[in-house]
Amino acid sequence: MTTDAGESRAHMLNWFRSASPARSSFLTGGGGMGYAIGAALGAKLAHPDGPVLATCADGGFAMTMNTLMNAVHERLPSTVVIFKNRALGWPLHVMPESKKQPFDFHDFDHAAIARAMGCNSVRVESPAQLRHALERARDADLPTVIDVPITVEASYLDSTASIA
C-alpha cells in the first residue's frame, strides 16, 4: 500500500488495518502530493506477484494520473483509490481562518478519466460498493481506479489523537 501526502495519508495511517500484516508493506510519502501512484507502480515492478494499492485524494490524483498510462502500457495491475473531497483538504483544515484560501475542485469524473486512459474504473457510493470494487480490482489484469466521493467536512483531525 502506498499513500499520498495530505489528509488521505493521515486517514490511512490511523484507520487502515491489514488482514495479513506480516505480508503487508506500507509506503507513505513524506513530501508532496502525487507520490502514491508512482510509488505503487514501483512496488508492483519490485513485487509483480503481489497486490498493490495506492490511496490519494483528488489533488494528488490530478498531479500524477498520467502515470497510469504507463501502467496500462506495461500491463501493471494495481489499484488506485481516490478519496475525492473536491478540495485541498490539508490546507483547508490546517490554515488559520485569517489565512485560508480554499481551492475547490470541479466534480471531475475520475472513473471516466481513468477509463479514457485504458484503466478499469468505477465510482462507488457506499462501503459495500467499495469492498466489492476492491475485490474486483485485486483480480484485474489492468490498473483499476476507484473514485470515492467523501465530504470535505471530514478533516484529518477527526482521525488523529487530540494534542490538547
C-alpha atoms as a PDB file:
ATOM      1  CA  MET A   1       0.000   0.000   0.000  1.00  0.00           C
ATOM      2  CA  THR A   2       1.169   3.480  -0.826  1.00  0.00           C
ATOM      3  CA  THR A   3      -0.299   6.754   0.331  1.00  0.00           C
ATOM      4  CA  ASP A   4      -0.105  10.283  -0.941  1.00  0.00           C
ATOM      5  CA  ALA A   5       0.674  13.306   1.192  1.00  0.00           C
ATOM      6  CA  GLY A   6      -2.163  15.164   2.859  1.00  0.00           C
ATOM      7  CA  GLU A   7      -5.322  14.169   4.626  1.00  0.00           C
ATOM      8  CA  SER A   8      -5.738  10.881   2.778  1.00  0.00           C
ATOM      9  CA  ARG A   9      -2.423   9.747   4.294  1.00  0.00           C
ATOM     10  CA  ALA A  10      -3.494  10.736   7.809  1.00  0.00           C
ATOM     11  CA  HIS A  11      -6.761   8.853   7.412  1.00  0.00           C
ATOM     12  CA  MET A  12      -4.998   5.717   6.145  1.00  0.00           C
ATOM     13  CA  LEU A  13      -2.303   5.782   8.825  1.00  0.00           C
ATOM     14  CA  ASN A  14      -4.971   5.945  11.505  1.00  0.00           C
ATOM     15  CA  TRP A  15      -7.701   3.695  10.108  1.00  0.00           C
ATOM     16  CA  PHE A  16      -6.221   1.099   7.732  1.00  0.00           C
ATOM     17  CA  ARG A  17      -5.842  -2.392   9.155  1.00  0.00           C
ATOM     18  CA  SER A  18      -4.310  -5.193   7.114  1.00  0.00           C
ATOM     19  CA  ALA A  19      -5.892  -8.640   7.153  1.00  0.00           C
ATOM     20  CA  SER A  20      -2.365 -10.087   6.899  1.00  0.00           C
ATOM     21  CA  PRO A  21       0.085  -7.601   8.476  1.00  0.00           C
ATOM     22  CA  ALA A  22       3.046  -9.996   8.236  1.00  0.00           C
ATOM     23  CA  ARG A  23       2.771  -9.907   4.428  1.00  0.00           C
ATOM     24  CA  SER A  24       1.950  -6.199   4.062  1.00  0.00           C
ATOM     25  CA  SER A  25       4.148  -3.214   3.257  1.00  0.00           C
ATOM     26  CA  PHE A  26       3.134   0.393   3.753  1.00  0.00           C
ATOM     27  CA  LEU A  27       4.930   3.103   1.768  1.00  0.00           C
ATOM     28  CA  THR A  28       3.967   6.643   2.596  1.00  0.00           C
ATOM     29  CA  GLY A  29       5.100   9.869   1.015  1.00  0.00           C
ATOM     30  CA  GLY A  30       6.760  12.204   3.437  1.00  0.00           C
ATOM     31  CA  GLY A  31       6.715  15.024   0.949  1.00  0.00           C
ATOM     32  CA  GLY A  32       4.493  16.366  -1.750  1.00  0.00           C
ATOM     33  CA  MET A  33       1.281  15.323  -3.373  1.00  0.00           C
ATOM     34  CA  GLY A  34       1.424  12.816  -6.176  1.00  0.00           C
ATOM     35  CA  TYR A  35       3.642  10.203  -4.503  1.00  0.00           C
ATOM     36  CA  ALA A  36       1.181   7.307  -4.216  1.00  0.00           C
ATOM     37  CA  ILE A  37       0.616   6.262  -7.828  1.00  0.00           C
ATOM     38  CA  GLY A  38       4.272   6.241  -8.900  1.00  0.00           C
ATOM     39  CA  ALA A  39       5.311   4.513  -5.674  1.00  0.00           C
ATOM     40  CA  ALA A  40       2.636   1.858  -6.208  1.00  0.00           C
ATOM     41  CA  LEU A  41       3.876   1.147  -9.717  1.00  0.00           C
ATOM     42  CA  GLY A  42       7.446   0.884  -8.417  1.00  0.00           C
ATOM     43  CA  ALA A  43       6.231  -1.555  -5.756  1.00  0.00           C
ATOM     44  CA  LYS A  44       4.458  -3.586  -8.445  1.00  0.00           C
ATOM     45  CA  LEU A  45       7.655  -3.784 -10.501  1.00  0.00           C
ATOM     46  CA  ALA A  46       9.570  -4.917  -7.398  1.00  0.00           C
ATOM     47  CA  HIS A  47       6.888  -7.438  -6.357  1.00  0.00           C
ATOM     48  CA  PRO A  48       4.996  -8.395  -9.530  1.00  0.00           C
ATOM     49  CA  ASP A  49       3.024 -11.209  -7.887  1.00  0.00           C
ATOM     50  CA  GLY A  50       1.637  -9.153  -5.015  1.00  0.00           C
ATOM     51  CA  PRO A  51      -1.374  -6.847  -4.965  1.00  0.00           C
ATOM     52  CA  VAL A  52      -0.668  -3.109  -4.897  1.00  0.00           C
ATOM     53  CA  LEU A  53      -2.988  -0.399  -3.592  1.00  0.00           C
ATOM     54  CA  ALA A  54      -2.394   3.361  -3.833  1.00  0.00           C
ATOM     55  CA  THR A  55      -4.537   5.862  -1.950  1.00  0.00           C
ATOM     56  CA  CYS A  56      -4.683   9.543  -2.754  1.00  0.00           C
ATOM     57  CA  ALA A  57      -7.106  12.420  -2.870  1.00  0.00           C
ATOM     58  CA  ASP A  58      -8.277  14.260  -5.951  1.00  0.00           C
ATOM     59  CA  GLY A  59      -5.444  16.819  -5.756  1.00  0.00           C
ATOM     60  CA  GLY A  60      -2.697  14.188  -5.813  1.00  0.00           C
ATOM     61  CA  PHE A  61      -4.500  12.167  -8.461  1.00  0.00           C
ATOM     62  CA  ALA A  62      -4.721  15.214 -10.722  1.00  0.00           C
ATOM     63  CA  MET A  63      -0.963  15.725 -10.439  1.00  0.00           C
ATOM     64  CA  THR A  64       0.118  12.197 -11.426  1.00  0.00           C
ATOM     65  CA  MET A  65      -2.802  10.404 -13.063  1.00  0.00           C
ATOM     66  CA  ASN A  66      -0.876  10.319 -16.352  1.00  0.00           C
ATOM     67  CA  THR A  67       1.391   7.691 -14.750  1.00  0.00           C
ATOM     68  CA  LEU A  68      -1.481   5.246 -15.198  1.00  0.00           C
ATOM     69  CA  MET A  69      -0.972   5.379 -18.970  1.00  0.00           C
ATOM     70  CA  ASN A  70       2.432   3.746 -18.392  1.00  0.00           C
ATOM     71  CA  ALA A  71       0.824   1.159 -16.122  1.00  0.00           C
ATOM     72  CA  VAL A  72      -1.685   0.291 -18.853  1.00  0.00           C
ATOM     73  CA  HIS A  73       1.060   0.091 -21.473  1.00  0.00           C
ATOM     74  CA  GLU A  74       3.216  -2.154 -19.256  1.00  0.00           C
ATOM     75  CA  ARG A  75       0.187  -4.139 -18.021  1.00  0.00           C
ATOM     76  CA  LEU A  76       0.903  -3.440 -14.357  1.00  0.00           C
ATOM     77  CA  PRO A  77      -2.264  -4.301 -12.451  1.00  0.00           C
ATOM     78  CA  SER A  78      -2.639  -2.046  -9.447  1.00  0.00           C
ATOM     79  CA  THR A  79      -5.456  -0.297  -7.634  1.00  0.00           C
ATOM     80  CA  VAL A  80      -5.787   3.440  -7.033  1.00  0.00           C
ATOM     81  CA  VAL A  81      -8.418   4.654  -4.564  1.00  0.00           C
ATOM     82  CA  ILE A  82      -9.191   8.365  -4.817  1.00  0.00           C
ATOM     83  CA  PHE A  83     -10.772   9.937  -1.748  1.00  0.00           C
ATOM     84  CA  LYS A  84     -12.496  12.794  -3.543  1.00  0.00           C
ATOM     85  CA  ASN A  85     -13.494  15.730  -1.344  1.00  0.00           C
ATOM     86  CA  ARG A  86     -13.235  18.317  -4.152  1.00  0.00           C
ATOM     87  CA  ALA A  87     -10.726  20.433  -2.205  1.00  0.00           C
ATOM     88  CA  LEU A  88      -7.182  20.615  -0.969  1.00  0.00           C
ATOM     89  CA  GLY A  89      -8.220  19.351   2.448  1.00  0.00           C
ATOM     90  CA  TRP A  90      -4.932  19.637   4.315  1.00  0.00           C
ATOM     91  CA  PRO A  91      -4.510  23.404   3.759  1.00  0.00           C
ATOM     92  CA  LEU A  92      -8.233  23.920   4.248  1.00  0.00           C
ATOM     93  CA  HIS A  93      -8.229  22.276   7.677  1.00  0.00           C
ATOM     94  CA  VAL A  94      -4.774  23.360   8.915  1.00  0.00           C
ATOM     95  CA  MET A  95      -4.582  27.020   7.986  1.00  0.00           C
ATOM     96  CA  PRO A  96      -5.853  29.619  10.445  1.00  0.00           C
ATOM     97  CA  GLU A  97      -9.114  31.231   9.351  1.00  0.00           C
ATOM     98  CA  SER A  98      -7.344  34.525   8.598  1.00  0.00           C
ATOM     99  CA  LYS A  99      -5.043  32.839   6.030  1.00  0.00           C
ATOM    100  CA  LYS A 100      -7.362  30.290   4.441  1.00  0.00           C
ATOM    101  CA  GLN A 101      -7.613  30.394   0.690  1.00  0.00           C
ATOM    102  CA  PRO A 102      -9.589  27.269  -0.119  1.00  0.00           C
ATOM    103  CA  PHE A 103      -9.131  25.679  -3.505  1.00  0.00           C
ATOM    104  CA  ASP A 104     -12.247  23.874  -4.611  1.00  0.00           C
ATOM    105  CA  PHE A 105     -12.070  21.346  -7.439  1.00  0.00           C
ATOM    106  CA  HIS A 106     -14.716  20.751 -10.038  1.00  0.00           C
ATOM    107  CA  ASP A 107     -16.531  17.445  -9.504  1.00  0.00           C
ATOM    108  CA  PHE A 108     -14.466  15.592 -12.105  1.00  0.00           C
ATOM    109  CA  ASP A 109     -15.477  12.072 -13.036  1.00  0.00           C
ATOM    110  CA  HIS A 110     -12.173  10.397 -12.219  1.00  0.00           C
ATOM    111  CA  ALA A 111     -13.554   6.997 -13.184  1.00  0.00           C
ATOM    112  CA  ALA A 112     -14.284   8.256 -16.709  1.00  0.00           C
ATOM    113  CA  ILE A 113     -10.835   9.860 -16.960  1.00  0.00           C
ATOM    114  CA  ALA A 114      -9.211   6.564 -15.954  1.00  0.00           C
ATOM    115  CA  ARG A 115     -11.328   4.607 -18.471  1.00  0.00           C
ATOM    116  CA  ALA A 116     -10.190   7.011 -21.200  1.00  0.00           C
ATOM    117  CA  MET A 117      -6.589   6.055 -20.357  1.00  0.00           C
ATOM    118  CA  GLY A 118      -7.407   2.338 -20.628  1.00  0.00           C
ATOM    119  CA  CYS A 119      -7.835   1.528 -16.932  1.00  0.00           C
ATOM    120  CA  ASN A 120     -10.658  -0.327 -15.281  1.00  0.00           C
ATOM    121  CA  SER A 121     -12.586   2.109 -13.117  1.00  0.00           C
ATOM    122  CA  VAL A 122     -15.663   2.589 -11.001  1.00  0.00           C
ATOM    123  CA  ARG A 123     -17.235   5.259  -8.811  1.00  0.00           C
ATOM    124  CA  VAL A 124     -18.557   3.940  -5.513  1.00  0.00           C
ATOM    125  CA  GLU A 125     -21.088   5.486  -3.159  1.00  0.00           C
ATOM    126  CA  SER A 126     -21.044   3.115  -0.159  1.00  0.00           C
ATOM    127  CA  PRO A 127     -18.683   0.949   1.908  1.00  0.00           C
ATOM    128  CA  ALA A 128     -20.274  -2.183   0.430  1.00  0.00           C
ATOM    129  CA  GLN A 129     -19.610  -0.939  -3.103  1.00  0.00           C
ATOM    130  CA  LEU A 130     -16.026  -0.084  -2.127  1.00  0.00           C
ATOM    131  CA  ARG A 131     -15.426  -3.581  -0.765  1.00  0.00           C
ATOM    132  CA  HIS A 132     -16.781  -5.142  -3.967  1.00  0.00           C
ATOM    133  CA  ALA A 133     -14.703  -2.778  -6.146  1.00  0.00           C
ATOM    134  CA  LEU A 134     -11.528  -3.620  -4.197  1.00  0.00           C
ATOM    135  CA  GLU A 135     -12.191  -7.344  -4.601  1.00  0.00           C
ATOM    136  CA  ARG A 136     -12.682  -6.975  -8.360  1.00  0.00           C
ATOM    137  CA  ALA A 137      -9.592  -4.768  -8.666  1.00  0.00           C
ATOM    138  CA  ARG A 138      -7.434  -7.353  -6.893  1.00  0.00           C
ATOM    139  CA  ASP A 139      -8.197  -9.865  -9.673  1.00  0.00           C
ATOM    140  CA  ALA A 140      -7.889  -7.420 -12.601  1.00  0.00           C
ATOM    141  CA  ASP A 141      -5.124  -7.597 -15.186  1.00  0.00           C
ATOM    142  CA  LEU A 142      -5.021  -3.813 -15.703  1.00  0.00           C
ATOM    143  CA  PRO A 143      -4.844  -0.835 -13.324  1.00  0.00           C
ATOM    144  CA  THR A 144      -8.133  -0.069 -11.592  1.00  0.00           C
ATOM    145  CA  VAL A 145      -9.180   3.374 -10.354  1.00  0.00           C
ATOM    146  CA  ILE A 146     -11.873   3.605  -7.677  1.00  0.00           C
ATOM    147  CA  ASP A 147     -13.430   7.059  -7.305  1.00  0.00           C
ATOM    148  CA  VAL A 148     -14.757   7.501  -3.738  1.00  0.00           C
ATOM    149  CA  PRO A 149     -16.626  10.746  -3.019  1.00  0.00           C
ATOM    150  CA  ILE A 150     -16.172  11.897   0.591  1.00  0.00           C
ATOM    151  CA  THR A 151     -17.250  15.004   2.440  1.00  0.00           C
ATOM    152  CA  VAL A 152     -14.903  17.975   2.697  1.00  0.00           C
ATOM    153  CA  GLU A 153     -16.008  18.381   6.310  1.00  0.00           C
ATOM    154  CA  ALA A 154     -14.142  15.166   7.237  1.00  0.00           C
ATOM    155  CA  SER A 155     -10.821  16.518   8.479  1.00  0.00           C
ATOM    156  CA  TYR A 156      -7.674  14.560   9.256  1.00  0.00           C
ATOM    157  CA  LEU A 157      -8.166  15.952  12.773  1.00  0.00           C
ATOM    158  CA  ASP A 158     -11.193  13.656  13.102  1.00  0.00           C
ATOM    159  CA  SER A 159      -8.954  10.582  12.795  1.00  0.00           C
ATOM    160  CA  THR A 160      -5.965  11.608  14.902  1.00  0.00           C
ATOM    161  CA  ALA A 161      -5.437  11.813  18.628  1.00  0.00           C
ATOM    162  CA  SER A 162      -6.046  15.154  20.254  1.00  0.00           C
ATOM    163  CA  ILE A 163      -2.910  17.047  21.201  1.00  0.00           C
ATOM    164  CA  ALA A 164      -4.769  19.390  23.532  1.00  0.00           C
END
